[in-house]
Amino acid sequence: MGDAAMSTMKWGVLLEFRTDHPDFEVIVPADTKLDAVIAAEEAAVAAGYADAELRKITTWPLVNFIKREVA
């Protein structure tokens, strides 16, 4: 996985489970969608979701809009 501190992208990741665990949503800095999913899964395991059966993963890039002054 790339160095998260150097990443210019942020991703929203929603993990939905088949079991009685609530959904897990996190925003992670990552260069690629795959890196974002891996980081989200690692965060979910650290939060106690290790025994949960994953049903669905939804990802979306977070876009930073930069206002530019037009001369």
Foldseek 3Di string as FASTA:
>chain_A
DDDQVPAPWKKWKWWDFPDPDHIQIDIGGDNDPVVNVVVSVVVCVVVPCPVTHTDDMDMDIDDDDDDDDDD
